[in-house]
Amino acid sequence: AAPAGTALVAEDDEALRRLLARALREAGFEVLAARNGDEALATARSFQGRIDALVADGVMPGLSGTALAAALRQERPGLKTLLITGFPSDPQVLSFSAGGGEVLLKPFRSGDVVERLRRLLAG
């Protein structure tokens, strides 16, 4: 089967990052995993191939998921972003979703992420 696409995962919680990466790999995605927004930006900049989707924690130390998404969309127009957060009322998260961004609230099951990402990429 053709790969489902390449997903860049930016999540500062190591256990959650591993869970997300594993779920996405099992669903057929190529996964690039980063510990925070700054690392994810560097990873994306050094990656030659196409990145189909960004799965980012909304609130991280350093570069937030929303700032990361904005920076990456400048460099990779058309990049789909799924923001995961436990802070739905965070101003950055609110403005991201108000702008039509996809937000998935914690806690969630790893299957939820896969399903939302597939829907996002199909849309």
PDB file of N, CA and C in Angstrom:
ATOM      1  N   ALA A   1       0.847  -1.202   0.000  1.00  0.00           N
ATOM      2  CA  ALA A   1       0.000   0.000   0.000  1.00  0.00           C
ATOM      3  C   ALA A   1       0.878   1.246   0.000  1.00  0.00           C
ATOM      4  N   ALA A   2       0.400   2.278  -0.658  1.00  0.00           N
ATOM      5  CA  ALA A   2       1.136   3.536  -0.669  1.00  0.00           C
ATOM      6  C   ALA A   2       1.134   4.118   0.737  1.00  0.00           C
ATOM      7  N   PRO A   3       2.228   4.780   1.114  1.00  0.00           N
ATOM      8  CA  PRO A   3       2.227   5.394   2.449  1.00  0.00           C
ATOM      9  C   PRO A   3       1.115   6.428   2.563  1.00  0.00           C
ATOM     10  N   ALA A   4       0.618   6.606   3.770  1.00  0.00           N
ATOM     11  CA  ALA A   4      -0.485   7.531   4.003  1.00  0.00           C
ATOM     12  C   ALA A   4      -0.014   8.979   3.921  1.00  0.00           C
ATOM     13  N   GLY A   5       1.296   9.172   3.948  1.00  0.00           N
ATOM     14  CA  GLY A   5       1.847  10.519   3.929  1.00  0.00           C
ATOM     15  C   GLY A   5       2.923  10.652   4.984  1.00  0.00           C
ATOM     16  N   THR A   6       3.528  11.829   5.057  1.00  0.00           N
ATOM     17  CA  THR A   6       4.561  12.088   6.059  1.00  0.00           C
ATOM     18  C   THR A   6       4.024  13.074   7.075  1.00  0.00           C
ATOM     19  N   ALA A   7       4.150  12.705   8.345  1.00  0.00           N
ATOM     20  CA  ALA A   7       3.663  13.558   9.424  1.00  0.00           C
ATOM     21  C   ALA A   7       4.824  13.984  10.310  1.00  0.00           C
ATOM     22  N   LEU A   8       4.849  15.262  10.636  1.00  0.00           N
ATOM     23  CA  LEU A   8       5.827  15.795  11.570  1.00  0.00           C
ATOM     24  C   LEU A   8       5.116  15.943  12.912  1.00  0.00           C
ATOM     25  N   VAL A   9       5.632  15.270  13.929  1.00  0.00           N
ATOM     26  CA  VAL A   9       5.021  15.305  15.259  1.00  0.00           C
ATOM     27  C   VAL A   9       5.894  16.145  16.186  1.00  0.00           C
ATOM     28  N   ALA A  10       5.315  17.186  16.759  1.00  0.00           N
ATOM     29  CA  ALA A  10       6.028  18.038  17.710  1.00  0.00           C
ATOM     30  C   ALA A  10       5.291  17.984  19.044  1.00  0.00           C
ATOM     31  N   GLU A  11       5.907  17.325  20.015  1.00  0.00           N
ATOM     32  CA  GLU A  11       5.251  17.114  21.321  1.00  0.00           C
ATOM     33  C   GLU A  11       6.344  17.001  22.380  1.00  0.00           C
ATOM     34  N   ASP A  12       6.246  17.851  23.432  1.00  0.00           N
ATOM     35  CA  ASP A  12       7.313  17.855  24.440  1.00  0.00           C
ATOM     36  C   ASP A  12       7.175  16.752  25.490  1.00  0.00           C
ATOM     37  N   ASP A  13       6.008  16.121  25.566  1.00  0.00           N
ATOM     38  CA  ASP A  13       5.821  15.003  26.489  1.00  0.00           C
ATOM     39  C   ASP A  13       6.310  13.739  25.777  1.00  0.00           C
ATOM     40  N   GLU A  14       7.397  13.153  26.288  1.00  0.00           N
ATOM     41  CA  GLU A  14       8.030  12.036  25.582  1.00  0.00           C
ATOM     42  C   GLU A  14       7.115  10.835  25.396  1.00  0.00           C
ATOM     43  N   ALA A  15       6.377  10.471  26.455  1.00  0.00           N
ATOM     44  CA  ALA A  15       5.493   9.303  26.360  1.00  0.00           C
ATOM     45  C   ALA A  15       4.426   9.525  25.288  1.00  0.00           C
ATOM     46  N   LEU A  16       3.865  10.723  25.266  1.00  0.00           N
ATOM     47  CA  LEU A  16       2.823  11.042  24.288  1.00  0.00           C
ATOM     48  C   LEU A  16       3.409  11.094  22.873  1.00  0.00           C
ATOM     49  N   ARG A  17       4.622  11.657  22.761  1.00  0.00           N
ATOM     50  CA  ARG A  17       5.273  11.726  21.452  1.00  0.00           C
ATOM     51  C   ARG A  17       5.481  10.325  20.884  1.00  0.00           C
ATOM     52  N   ARG A  18       5.946   9.407  21.736  1.00  0.00           N
ATOM     53  CA  ARG A  18       6.154   8.019  21.290  1.00  0.00           C
ATOM     54  C   ARG A  18       4.851   7.351  20.892  1.00  0.00           C
ATOM     55  N   LEU A  19       3.813   7.591  21.685  1.00  0.00           N
ATOM     56  CA  LEU A  19       2.492   7.018  21.410  1.00  0.00           C
ATOM     57  C   LEU A  19       1.964   7.497  20.054  1.00  0.00           C
ATOM     58  N   LEU A  20       2.064   8.815  19.832  1.00  0.00           N
ATOM     59  CA  LEU A  20       1.597   9.396  18.573  1.00  0.00           C
ATOM     60  C   LEU A  20       2.383   8.846  17.388  1.00  0.00           C
ATOM     61  N   ALA A  21       3.706   8.805  17.538  1.00  0.00           N
ATOM     62  CA  ALA A  21       4.557   8.329  16.447  1.00  0.00           C
ATOM     63  C   ALA A  21       4.231   6.881  16.104  1.00  0.00           C
ATOM     64  N   ARG A  22       4.040   6.072  17.131  1.00  0.00           N
ATOM     65  CA  ARG A  22       3.739   4.657  16.893  1.00  0.00           C
ATOM     66  C   ARG A  22       2.386   4.493  16.210  1.00  0.00           C
ATOM     67  N   ALA A  23       1.377   5.206  16.700  1.00  0.00           N
ATOM     68  CA  ALA A  23       0.031   5.103  16.115  1.00  0.00           C
ATOM     69  C   ALA A  23       0.043   5.525  14.648  1.00  0.00           C
ATOM     70  N   LEU A  24       0.761   6.603  14.348  1.00  0.00           N
ATOM     71  CA  LEU A  24       0.802   7.098  12.977  1.00  0.00           C
ATOM     72  C   LEU A  24       1.582   6.142  12.076  1.00  0.00           C
ATOM     73  N   ARG A  25       2.685   5.591  12.584  1.00  0.00           N
ATOM     74  CA  ARG A  25       3.446   4.619  11.784  1.00  0.00           C
ATOM     75  C   ARG A  25       2.596   3.393  11.483  1.00  0.00           C
ATOM     76  N   GLU A  26       1.861   2.933  12.499  1.00  0.00           N
ATOM     77  CA  GLU A  26       1.005   1.756  12.308  1.00  0.00           C
ATOM     78  C   GLU A  26      -0.089   2.042  11.285  1.00  0.00           C
ATOM     79  N   ALA A  27      -0.474   3.316  11.165  1.00  0.00           N
ATOM     80  CA  ALA A  27      -1.512   3.708  10.200  1.00  0.00           C
ATOM     81  C   ALA A  27      -0.916   3.961   8.812  1.00  0.00           C
ATOM     82  N   GLY A  28       0.389   3.769   8.676  1.00  0.00           N
ATOM     83  CA  GLY A  28       1.013   3.893   7.368  1.00  0.00           C
ATOM     84  C   GLY A  28       1.713   5.210   7.079  1.00  0.00           C
ATOM     85  N   PHE A  29       1.791   6.071   8.101  1.00  0.00           N
ATOM     86  CA  PHE A  29       2.489   7.342   7.905  1.00  0.00           C
ATOM     87  C   PHE A  29       3.989   7.186   8.120  1.00  0.00           C
ATOM     88  N   GLU A  30       4.756   7.963   7.369  1.00  0.00           N
ATOM     89  CA  GLU A  30       6.160   8.184   7.698  1.00  0.00           C
ATOM     90  C   GLU A  30       6.119   9.227   8.803  1.00  0.00           C
ATOM     91  N   VAL A  31       6.932   9.060   9.842  1.00  0.00           N
ATOM     92  CA  VAL A  31       6.873  10.003  10.959  1.00  0.00           C
ATOM     93  C   VAL A  31       8.227  10.648  11.239  1.00  0.00           C
ATOM     94  N   LEU A  32       8.204  11.962  11.356  1.00  0.00           N
ATOM     95  CA  LEU A  32       9.358  12.724  11.832  1.00  0.00           C
ATOM     96  C   LEU A  32       8.931  13.216  13.208  1.00  0.00           C
ATOM     97  N   ALA A  33       9.700  12.902  14.246  1.00  0.00           N
ATOM     98  CA  ALA A  33       9.296  13.286  15.600  1.00  0.00           C
ATOM     99  C   ALA A  33      10.274  14.298  16.184  1.00  0.00           C
ATOM    100  N   ALA A  34       9.732  15.300  16.852  1.00  0.00           N
ATOM    101  CA  ALA A  34      10.551  16.352  17.452  1.00  0.00           C
ATOM    102  C   ALA A  34      10.084  16.626  18.875  1.00  0.00           C
ATOM    103  N   ARG A  35      11.043  17.002  19.725  1.00  0.00           N
ATOM    104  CA  ARG A  35      10.756  17.204  21.151  1.00  0.00           C
ATOM    105  C   ARG A  35      10.102  18.549  21.453  1.00  0.00           C
ATOM    106  N   ASN A  36      10.190  19.490  20.516  1.00  0.00           N
ATOM    107  CA  ASN A  36       9.589  20.808  20.745  1.00  0.00           C
ATOM    108  C   ASN A  36       9.472  21.540  19.412  1.00  0.00           C
ATOM    109  N   GLY A  37       8.910  22.748  19.471  1.00  0.00           N
ATOM    110  CA  GLY A  37       8.687  23.501  18.247  1.00  0.00           C
ATOM    111  C   GLY A  37       9.960  23.869  17.511  1.00  0.00           C
ATOM    112  N   ASP A  38      10.984  24.251  18.276  1.00  0.00           N
ATOM    113  CA  ASP A  38      12.248  24.652  17.641  1.00  0.00           C
ATOM    114  C   ASP A  38      12.887  23.476  16.906  1.00  0.00           C
ATOM    115  N   GLU A  39      12.859  22.312  17.564  1.00  0.00           N
ATOM    116  CA  GLU A  39      13.434  21.108  16.949  1.00  0.00           C
ATOM    117  C   GLU A  39      12.610  20.702  15.719  1.00  0.00           C
ATOM    118  N   ALA A  40      11.302  20.858  15.811  1.00  0.00           N
ATOM    119  CA  ALA A  40      10.436  20.495  14.687  1.00  0.00           C
ATOM    120  C   ALA A  40      10.706  21.396  13.483  1.00  0.00           C
ATOM    121  N   LEU A  41      10.921  22.681  13.736  1.00  0.00           N
ATOM    122  CA  LEU A  41      11.204  23.628  12.662  1.00  0.00           C
ATOM    123  C   LEU A  41      12.525  23.259  11.980  1.00  0.00           C
ATOM    124  N   ALA A  42      13.539  22.941  12.785  1.00  0.00           N
ATOM    125  CA  ALA A  42      14.837  22.541  12.240  1.00  0.00           C
ATOM    126  C   ALA A  42      14.713  21.238  11.452  1.00  0.00           C
ATOM    127  N   THR A  43      13.921  20.298  11.976  1.00  0.00           N
ATOM    128  CA  THR A  43      13.707  19.015  11.301  1.00  0.00           C
ATOM    129  C   THR A  43      13.057  19.236   9.946  1.00  0.00           C
ATOM    130  N   ALA A  44      12.026  20.070   9.914  1.00  0.00           N
ATOM    131  CA  ALA A  44      11.312  20.340   8.667  1.00  0.00           C
ATOM    132  C   ALA A  44      12.234  21.019   7.654  1.00  0.00           C
ATOM    133  N   ARG A  45      13.069  21.922   8.136  1.00  0.00           N
ATOM    134  CA  ARG A  45      13.957  22.658   7.235  1.00  0.00           C
ATOM    135  C   ARG A  45      15.039  21.763   6.641  1.00  0.00           C
ATOM    136  N   SER A  46      15.433  20.736   7.374  1.00  0.00           N
ATOM    137  CA  SER A  46      16.490  19.861   6.855  1.00  0.00           C
ATOM    138  C   SER A  46      15.923  18.670   6.089  1.00  0.00           C
ATOM    139  N   PHE A  47      14.595  18.484   6.139  1.00  0.00           N
ATOM    140  CA  PHE A  47      13.959  17.351   5.457  1.00  0.00           C
ATOM    141  C   PHE A  47      13.653  17.737   4.016  1.00  0.00           C
ATOM    142  N   GLN A  48      14.206  16.953   3.076  1.00  0.00           N
ATOM    143  CA  GLN A  48      14.082  17.307   1.656  1.00  0.00           C
ATOM    144  C   GLN A  48      12.713  16.968   1.072  1.00  0.00           C
ATOM    145  N   GLY A  49      12.078  15.942   1.618  1.00  0.00           N
ATOM    146  CA  GLY A  49      10.827  15.460   1.034  1.00  0.00           C
ATOM    147  C   GLY A  49       9.626  16.298   1.403  1.00  0.00           C
ATOM    148  N   ARG A  50       8.473  15.785   0.999  1.00  0.00           N
ATOM    149  CA  ARG A  50       7.211  16.452   1.263  1.00  0.00           C
ATOM    150  C   ARG A  50       6.746  16.107   2.683  1.00  0.00           C
ATOM    151  N   ILE A  51       6.244  17.090   3.396  1.00  0.00           N
ATOM    152  CA  ILE A  51       5.611  16.849   4.695  1.00  0.00           C
ATOM    153  C   ILE A  51       4.135  17.163   4.505  1.00  0.00           C
ATOM    154  N   ASP A  52       3.295  16.157   4.731  1.00  0.00           N
ATOM    155  CA  ASP A  52       1.863  16.319   4.483  1.00  0.00           C
ATOM    156  C   ASP A  52       1.133  16.965   5.644  1.00  0.00           C
ATOM    157  N   ALA A  53       1.580  16.651   6.859  1.00  0.00           N
ATOM    158  CA  ALA A  53       0.839  17.122   8.019  1.00  0.00           C
ATOM    159  C   ALA A  53       1.748  17.378   9.208  1.00  0.00           C
ATOM    160  N   LEU A  54       1.337  18.343   9.995  1.00  0.00           N
ATOM    161  CA  LEU A  54       2.004  18.652  11.253  1.00  0.00           C
ATOM    162  C   LEU A  54       1.026  18.301  12.370  1.00  0.00           C
ATOM    163  N   VAL A  55       1.495  17.515  13.329  1.00  0.00           N
ATOM    164  CA  VAL A  55       0.713  17.236  14.533  1.00  0.00           C
ATOM    165  C   VAL A  55       1.509  17.865  15.665  1.00  0.00           C
ATOM    166  N   ALA A  56       0.980  18.945  16.241  1.00  0.00           N
ATOM    167  CA  ALA A  56       1.762  19.697  17.214  1.00  0.00           C
ATOM    168  C   ALA A  56       0.992  19.969  18.486  1.00  0.00           C
ATOM    169  N   ASP A  57       1.708  19.901  19.608  1.00  0.00           N
ATOM    170  CA  ASP A  57       1.145  20.298  20.884  1.00  0.00           C
ATOM    171  C   ASP A  57       0.978  21.815  20.826  1.00  0.00           C
ATOM    172  N   GLY A  58      -0.171  22.307  21.245  1.00  0.00           N
ATOM    173  CA  GLY A  58      -0.424  23.736  21.154  1.00  0.00           C
ATOM    174  C   GLY A  58       0.484  24.560  22.039  1.00  0.00           C
ATOM    175  N   VAL A  59       0.748  24.059  23.248  1.00  0.00           N
ATOM    176  CA  VAL A  59       1.533  24.808  24.218  1.00  0.00           C
ATOM    177  C   VAL A  59       2.782  24.007  24.574  1.00  0.00           C
ATOM    178  N   MET A  60       3.943  24.507  24.139  1.00  0.00           N
ATOM    179  CA  MET A  60       5.223  23.847  24.434  1.00  0.00           C
ATOM    180  C   MET A  60       6.222  24.901  24.863  1.00  0.00           C
ATOM    181  N   PRO A  61       7.265  24.480  25.585  1.00  0.00           N
ATOM    182  CA  PRO A  61       8.344  25.430  25.898  1.00  0.00           C
ATOM    183  C   PRO A  61       8.974  25.923  24.595  1.00  0.00           C
ATOM    184  N   GLY A  62       9.405  27.172  24.573  1.00  0.00           N
ATOM    185  CA  GLY A  62      10.011  27.707  23.354  1.00  0.00           C
ATOM    186  C   GLY A  62       8.928  28.035  22.343  1.00  0.00           C
ATOM    187  N   LEU A  63       9.123  27.548  21.126  1.00  0.00           N
ATOM    188  CA  LEU A  63       8.187  27.817  20.035  1.00  0.00           C
ATOM    189  C   LEU A  63       6.909  26.998  20.243  1.00  0.00           C
ATOM    190  N   SER A  64       5.771  27.684  20.364  1.00  0.00           N
ATOM    191  CA  SER A  64       4.506  26.976  20.590  1.00  0.00           C
ATOM    192  C   SER A  64       4.055  26.277  19.308  1.00  0.00           C
ATOM    193  N   GLY A  65       3.104  25.377  19.454  1.00  0.00           N
ATOM    194  CA  GLY A  65       2.575  24.670  18.292  1.00  0.00           C
ATOM    195  C   GLY A  65       1.948  25.610  17.273  1.00  0.00           C
ATOM    196  N   THR A  66       1.264  26.656  17.772  1.00  0.00           N
ATOM    197  CA  THR A  66       0.627  27.597  16.849  1.00  0.00           C
ATOM    198  C   THR A  66       1.667  28.416  16.096  1.00  0.00           C
ATOM    199  N   ALA A  67       2.730  28.843  16.796  1.00  0.00           N
ATOM    200  CA  ALA A  67       3.801  29.608  16.146  1.00  0.00           C
ATOM    201  C   ALA A  67       4.549  28.721  15.151  1.00  0.00           C
ATOM    202  N   LEU A  68       4.758  27.469  15.539  1.00  0.00           N
ATOM    203  CA  LEU A  68       5.406  26.498  14.657  1.00  0.00           C
ATOM    204  C   LEU A  68       4.580  26.315  13.383  1.00  0.00           C
ATOM    205  N   ALA A  69       3.279  26.146  13.546  1.00  0.00           N
ATOM    206  CA  ALA A  69       2.387  25.947  12.399  1.00  0.00           C
ATOM    207  C   ALA A  69       2.446  27.145  11.459  1.00  0.00           C
ATOM    208  N   ALA A  70       2.431  28.343  12.039  1.00  0.00           N
ATOM    209  CA  ALA A  70       2.477  29.559  11.226  1.00  0.00           C
ATOM    210  C   ALA A  70       3.794  29.644  10.450  1.00  0.00           C
ATOM    211  N   ALA A  71       4.899  29.337  11.120  1.00  0.00           N
ATOM    212  CA  ALA A  71       6.212  29.392  10.467  1.00  0.00           C
ATOM    213  C   ALA A  71       6.306  28.367   9.345  1.00  0.00           C
ATOM    214  N   LEU A  72       5.829  27.159   9.614  1.00  0.00           N
ATOM    215  CA  LEU A  72       5.928  26.097   8.611  1.00  0.00           C
ATOM    216  C   LEU A  72       5.015  26.345   7.418  1.00  0.00           C
ATOM    217  N   ARG A  73       3.852  26.948   7.667  1.00  0.00           N
ATOM    218  CA  ARG A  73       2.944  27.207   6.550  1.00  0.00           C
ATOM    219  C   ARG A  73       3.522  28.253   5.594  1.00  0.00           C
ATOM    220  N   GLN A  74       4.374  29.148   6.120  1.00  0.00           N
ATOM    221  CA  GLN A  74       5.065  30.108   5.258  1.00  0.00           C
ATOM    222  C   GLN A  74       5.997  29.365   4.301  1.00  0.00           C
ATOM    223  N   GLU A  75       6.681  28.350   4.846  1.00  0.00           N
ATOM    224  CA  GLU A  75       7.702  27.631   4.082  1.00  0.00           C
ATOM    225  C   GLU A  75       7.129  26.482   3.269  1.00  0.00           C
ATOM    226  N   ARG A  76       6.046  25.905   3.760  1.00  0.00           N
ATOM    227  CA  ARG A  76       5.434  24.762   3.092  1.00  0.00           C
ATOM    228  C   ARG A  76       3.938  25.018   2.955  1.00  0.00           C
ATOM    229  N   PRO A  77       3.556  25.858   1.971  1.00  0.00           N
ATOM    230  CA  PRO A  77       2.137  26.189   1.802  1.00  0.00           C
ATOM    231  C   PRO A  77       1.327  24.910   1.593  1.00  0.00           C
ATOM    232  N   GLY A  78       0.136  24.878   2.185  1.00  0.00           N
ATOM    233  CA  GLY A  78      -0.698  23.704   2.008  1.00  0.00           C
ATOM    234  C   GLY A  78      -0.480  22.651   3.081  1.00  0.00           C
ATOM    235  N   LEU A  79       0.481  22.892   3.965  1.00  0.00           N
ATOM    236  CA  LEU A  79       0.716  21.943   5.061  1.00  0.00           C
ATOM    237  C   LEU A  79      -0.518  21.904   5.967  1.00  0.00           C
ATOM    238  N   LYS A  80      -1.035  20.702   6.201  1.00  0.00           N
ATOM    239  CA  LYS A  80      -2.196  20.545   7.091  1.00  0.00           C
ATOM    240  C   LYS A  80      -1.690  20.444   8.526  1.00  0.00           C
ATOM    241  N   THR A  81      -2.415  21.066   9.440  1.00  0.00           N
ATOM    242  CA  THR A  81      -1.983  21.056  10.839  1.00  0.00           C
ATOM    243  C   THR A  81      -3.096  20.581  11.757  1.00  0.00           C
ATOM    244  N   LEU A  82      -2.733  19.648  12.642  1.00  0.00           N
ATOM    245  CA  LEU A  82      -3.634  19.202  13.695  1.00  0.00           C
ATOM    246  C   LEU A  82      -2.983  19.607  15.012  1.00  0.00           C
ATOM    247  N   LEU A  83      -3.643  20.495  15.740  1.00  0.00           N
ATOM    248  CA  LEU A  83      -3.115  20.977  17.012  1.00  0.00           C
ATOM    249  C   LEU A  83      -3.720  20.136  18.128  1.00  0.00           C
ATOM    250  N   ILE A  84      -2.860  19.615  19.012  1.00  0.00           N
ATOM    251  CA  ILE A  84      -3.378  18.871  20.159  1.00  0.00           C
ATOM    252  C   ILE A  84      -3.091  19.695  21.415  1.00  0.00           C
ATOM    253  N   THR A  85      -4.075  19.783  22.277  1.00  0.00           N
ATOM    254  CA  THR A  85      -3.879  20.637  23.448  1.00  0.00           C
ATOM    255  C   THR A  85      -4.768  20.239  24.612  1.00  0.00           C
ATOM    256  N   GLY A  86      -4.284  20.526  25.787  1.00  0.00           N
ATOM    257  CA  GLY A  86      -5.084  20.369  26.993  1.00  0.00           C
ATOM    258  C   GLY A  86      -5.577  21.727  27.459  1.00  0.00           C
ATOM    259  N   PHE A  87      -5.275  22.769  26.667  1.00  0.00           N
ATOM    260  CA  PHE A  87      -5.612  24.138  27.046  1.00  0.00           C
ATOM    261  C   PHE A  87      -6.473  24.812  25.971  1.00  0.00           C
ATOM    262  N   PRO A  88      -7.751  24.400  25.869  1.00  0.00           N
ATOM    263  CA  PRO A  88      -8.595  24.930  24.792  1.00  0.00           C
ATOM    264  C   PRO A  88      -8.827  26.434  24.882  1.00  0.00           C
ATOM    265  N   SER A  89      -8.664  27.015  26.085  1.00  0.00           N
ATOM    266  CA  SER A  89      -8.929  28.448  26.214  1.00  0.00           C
ATOM    267  C   SER A  89      -7.657  29.288  26.065  1.00  0.00           C
ATOM    268  N   ASP A  90      -6.527  28.651  25.775  1.00  0.00           N
ATOM    269  CA  ASP A  90      -5.295  29.402  25.516  1.00  0.00           C
ATOM    270  C   ASP A  90      -5.551  30.334  24.327  1.00  0.00           C
ATOM    271  N   PRO A  91      -5.184  31.628  24.447  1.00  0.00           N
ATOM    272  CA  PRO A  91      -5.479  32.591  23.365  1.00  0.00           C
ATOM    273  C   PRO A  91      -4.935  32.162  22.002  1.00  0.00           C
ATOM    274  N   GLN A  92      -3.740  31.595  21.967  1.00  0.00           N
ATOM    275  CA  GLN A  92      -3.159  31.161  20.692  1.00  0.00           C
ATOM    276  C   GLN A  92      -3.968  30.014  20.096  1.00  0.00           C
ATOM    277  N   VAL A  93      -4.408  29.105  20.957  1.00  0.00           N
ATOM    278  CA  VAL A  93      -5.207  27.967  20.491  1.00  0.00           C
ATOM    279  C   VAL A  93      -6.551  28.462  19.960  1.00  0.00           C
ATOM    280  N   LEU A  94      -7.163  29.390  20.676  1.00  0.00           N
ATOM    281  CA  LEU A  94      -8.449  29.950  20.251  1.00  0.00           C
ATOM    282  C   LEU A  94      -8.334  30.647  18.904  1.00  0.00           C
ATOM    283  N   SER A  95      -7.261  31.416  18.710  1.00  0.00           N
ATOM    284  CA  SER A  95      -7.146  32.135  17.446  1.00  0.00           C
ATOM    285  C   SER A  95      -6.829  31.164  16.310  1.00  0.00           C
ATOM    286  N   PHE A  96      -6.096  30.093  16.620  1.00  0.00           N
ATOM    287  CA  PHE A  96      -5.805  29.067  15.617  1.00  0.00           C
ATOM    288  C   PHE A  96      -7.101  28.396  15.152  1.00  0.00           C
ATOM    289  N   SER A  97      -7.956  28.000  16.104  1.00  0.00           N
ATOM    290  CA  SER A  97      -9.200  27.328  15.717  1.00  0.00           C
ATOM    291  C   SER A  97     -10.181  28.310  15.070  1.00  0.00           C
ATOM    292  N   ALA A  98     -10.159  29.576  15.509  1.00  0.00           N
ATOM    293  CA  ALA A  98     -11.021  30.583  14.895  1.00  0.00           C
ATOM    294  C   ALA A  98     -10.648  30.783  13.429  1.00  0.00           C
ATOM    295  N   GLY A  99      -9.378  30.579  13.110  1.00  0.00           N
ATOM    296  CA  GLY A  99      -8.906  30.710  11.742  1.00  0.00           C
ATOM    297  C   GLY A  99      -9.120  29.455  10.923  1.00  0.00           C
ATOM    298  N   GLY A 100      -9.905  28.527  11.451  1.00  0.00           N
ATOM    299  CA  GLY A 100     -10.213  27.307  10.706  1.00  0.00           C
ATOM    300  C   GLY A 100      -9.264  26.165  10.991  1.00  0.00           C
ATOM    301  N   GLY A 101      -8.394  26.324  11.992  1.00  0.00           N
ATOM    302  CA  GLY A 101      -7.442  25.263  12.328  1.00  0.00           C
ATOM    303  C   GLY A 101      -8.113  24.098  13.034  1.00  0.00           C
ATOM    304  N   GLU A 102      -7.563  22.910  12.829  1.00  0.00           N
ATOM    305  CA  GLU A 102      -8.098  21.702  13.467  1.00  0.00           C
ATOM    306  C   GLU A 102      -7.473  21.530  14.847  1.00  0.00           C
ATOM    307  N   VAL A 103      -8.307  21.389  15.856  1.00  0.00           N
ATOM    308  CA  VAL A 103      -7.819  21.224  17.225  1.00  0.00           C
ATOM    309  C   VAL A 103      -8.399  19.943  17.817  1.00  0.00           C
ATOM    310  N   LEU A 104      -7.526  19.149  18.429  1.00  0.00           N
ATOM    311  CA  LEU A 104      -7.954  17.932  19.116  1.00  0.00           C
ATOM    312  C   LEU A 104      -7.605  18.102  20.588  1.00  0.00           C
ATOM    313  N   LEU A 105      -8.607  17.983  21.448  1.00  0.00           N
ATOM    314  CA  LEU A 105      -8.379  18.195  22.876  1.00  0.00           C
ATOM    315  C   LEU A 105      -7.884  16.935  23.577  1.00  0.00           C
ATOM    316  N   LYS A 106      -6.938  17.147  24.490  1.00  0.00           N
ATOM    317  CA  LYS A 106      -6.494  16.060  25.363  1.00  0.00           C
ATOM    318  C   LYS A 106      -7.527  15.927  26.477  1.00  0.00           C
ATOM    319  N   PRO A 107      -7.754  14.735  27.020  1.00  0.00           N
ATOM    320  CA  PRO A 107      -7.141  13.476  26.586  1.00  0.00           C
ATOM    321  C   PRO A 107      -7.850  12.909  25.365  1.00  0.00           C
ATOM    322  N   PHE A 108      -7.124  12.143  24.563  1.00  0.00           N
ATOM    323  CA  PHE A 108      -7.699  11.509  23.379  1.00  0.00           C
ATOM    324  C   PHE A 108      -7.060  10.138  23.234  1.00  0.00           C
ATOM    325  N   ARG A 109      -7.661   9.311  22.390  1.00  0.00           N
ATOM    326  CA  ARG A 109      -7.046   8.024  22.090  1.00  0.00           C
ATOM    327  C   ARG A 109      -6.193   8.205  20.839  1.00  0.00           C
ATOM    328  N   SER A 110      -5.154   7.402  20.719  1.00  0.00           N
ATOM    329  CA  SER A 110      -4.268   7.558  19.563  1.00  0.00           C
ATOM    330  C   SER A 110      -5.036   7.362  18.258  1.00  0.00           C
ATOM    331  N   GLY A 111      -6.072   6.531  18.283  1.00  0.00           N
ATOM    332  CA  GLY A 111      -6.888   6.327  17.094  1.00  0.00           C
ATOM    333  C   GLY A 111      -7.602   7.594  16.645  1.00  0.00           C
ATOM    334  N   ASP A 112      -7.916   8.463  17.621  1.00  0.00           N
ATOM    335  CA  ASP A 112      -8.575   9.735  17.293  1.00  0.00           C
ATOM    336  C   ASP A 112      -7.659  10.598  16.428  1.00  0.00           C
ATOM    337  N   VAL A 113      -6.383  10.588  16.769  1.00  0.00           N
ATOM    338  CA  VAL A 113      -5.409  11.400  16.033  1.00  0.00           C
ATOM    339  C   VAL A 113      -5.299  10.897  14.597  1.00  0.00           C
ATOM    340  N   VAL A 114      -5.187   9.579  14.452  1.00  0.00           N
ATOM    341  CA  VAL A 114      -5.077   8.979  13.119  1.00  0.00           C
ATOM    342  C   VAL A 114      -6.300   9.324  12.282  1.00  0.00           C
ATOM    343  N   GLU A 115      -7.485   9.180  12.869  1.00  0.00           N
ATOM    344  CA  GLU A 115      -8.733   9.439  12.156  1.00  0.00           C
ATOM    345  C   GLU A 115      -8.842  10.909  11.740  1.00  0.00           C
ATOM    346  N   ARG A 116      -8.538  11.821  12.669  1.00  0.00           N
ATOM    347  CA  ARG A 116      -8.615  13.252  12.374  1.00  0.00           C
ATOM    348  C   ARG A 116      -7.607  13.632  11.277  1.00  0.00           C
ATOM    349  N   LEU A 117      -6.430  13.042  11.340  1.00  0.00           N
ATOM    350  CA  LEU A 117      -5.401  13.362  10.364  1.00  0.00           C
ATOM    351  C   LEU A 117      -5.784  12.865   8.982  1.00  0.00           C
ATOM    352  N   ARG A 118      -6.327  11.657   8.916  1.00  0.00           N
ATOM    353  CA  ARG A 118      -6.787  11.130   7.624  1.00  0.00           C
ATOM    354  C   ARG A 118      -7.872  12.014   7.033  1.00  0.00           C
ATOM    355  N   ARG A 119      -8.816  12.448   7.892  1.00  0.00           N
ATOM    356  CA  ARG A 119      -9.900  13.317   7.438  1.00  0.00           C
ATOM    357  C   ARG A 119      -9.356  14.650   6.939  1.00  0.00           C
ATOM    358  N   LEU A 120      -8.386  15.191   7.680  1.00  0.00           N
ATOM    359  CA  LEU A 120      -7.773  16.466   7.330  1.00  0.00           C
ATOM    360  C   LEU A 120      -7.078  16.363   5.967  1.00  0.00           C
ATOM    361  N   LEU A 121      -6.370  15.274   5.747  1.00  0.00           N
ATOM    362  CA  LEU A 121      -5.628  15.101   4.500  1.00  0.00           C
ATOM    363  C   LEU A 121      -6.572  14.804   3.331  1.00  0.00           C
ATOM    364  N   ALA A 122      -7.690  14.143   3.619  1.00  0.00           N
ATOM    365  CA  ALA A 122      -8.666  13.833   2.569  1.00  0.00           C
ATOM    366  C   ALA A 122      -9.444  15.080   2.177  1.00  0.00           C
ATOM    367  N   GLY A 123      -9.658  15.970   3.167  1.00  0.00           N
ATOM    368  CA  GLY A 123     -10.400  17.201   2.914  1.00  0.00           C
ATOM    369  C   GLY A 123      -9.560  18.113   2.067  1.00  0.00           C
TER     370      GLY A 123
END
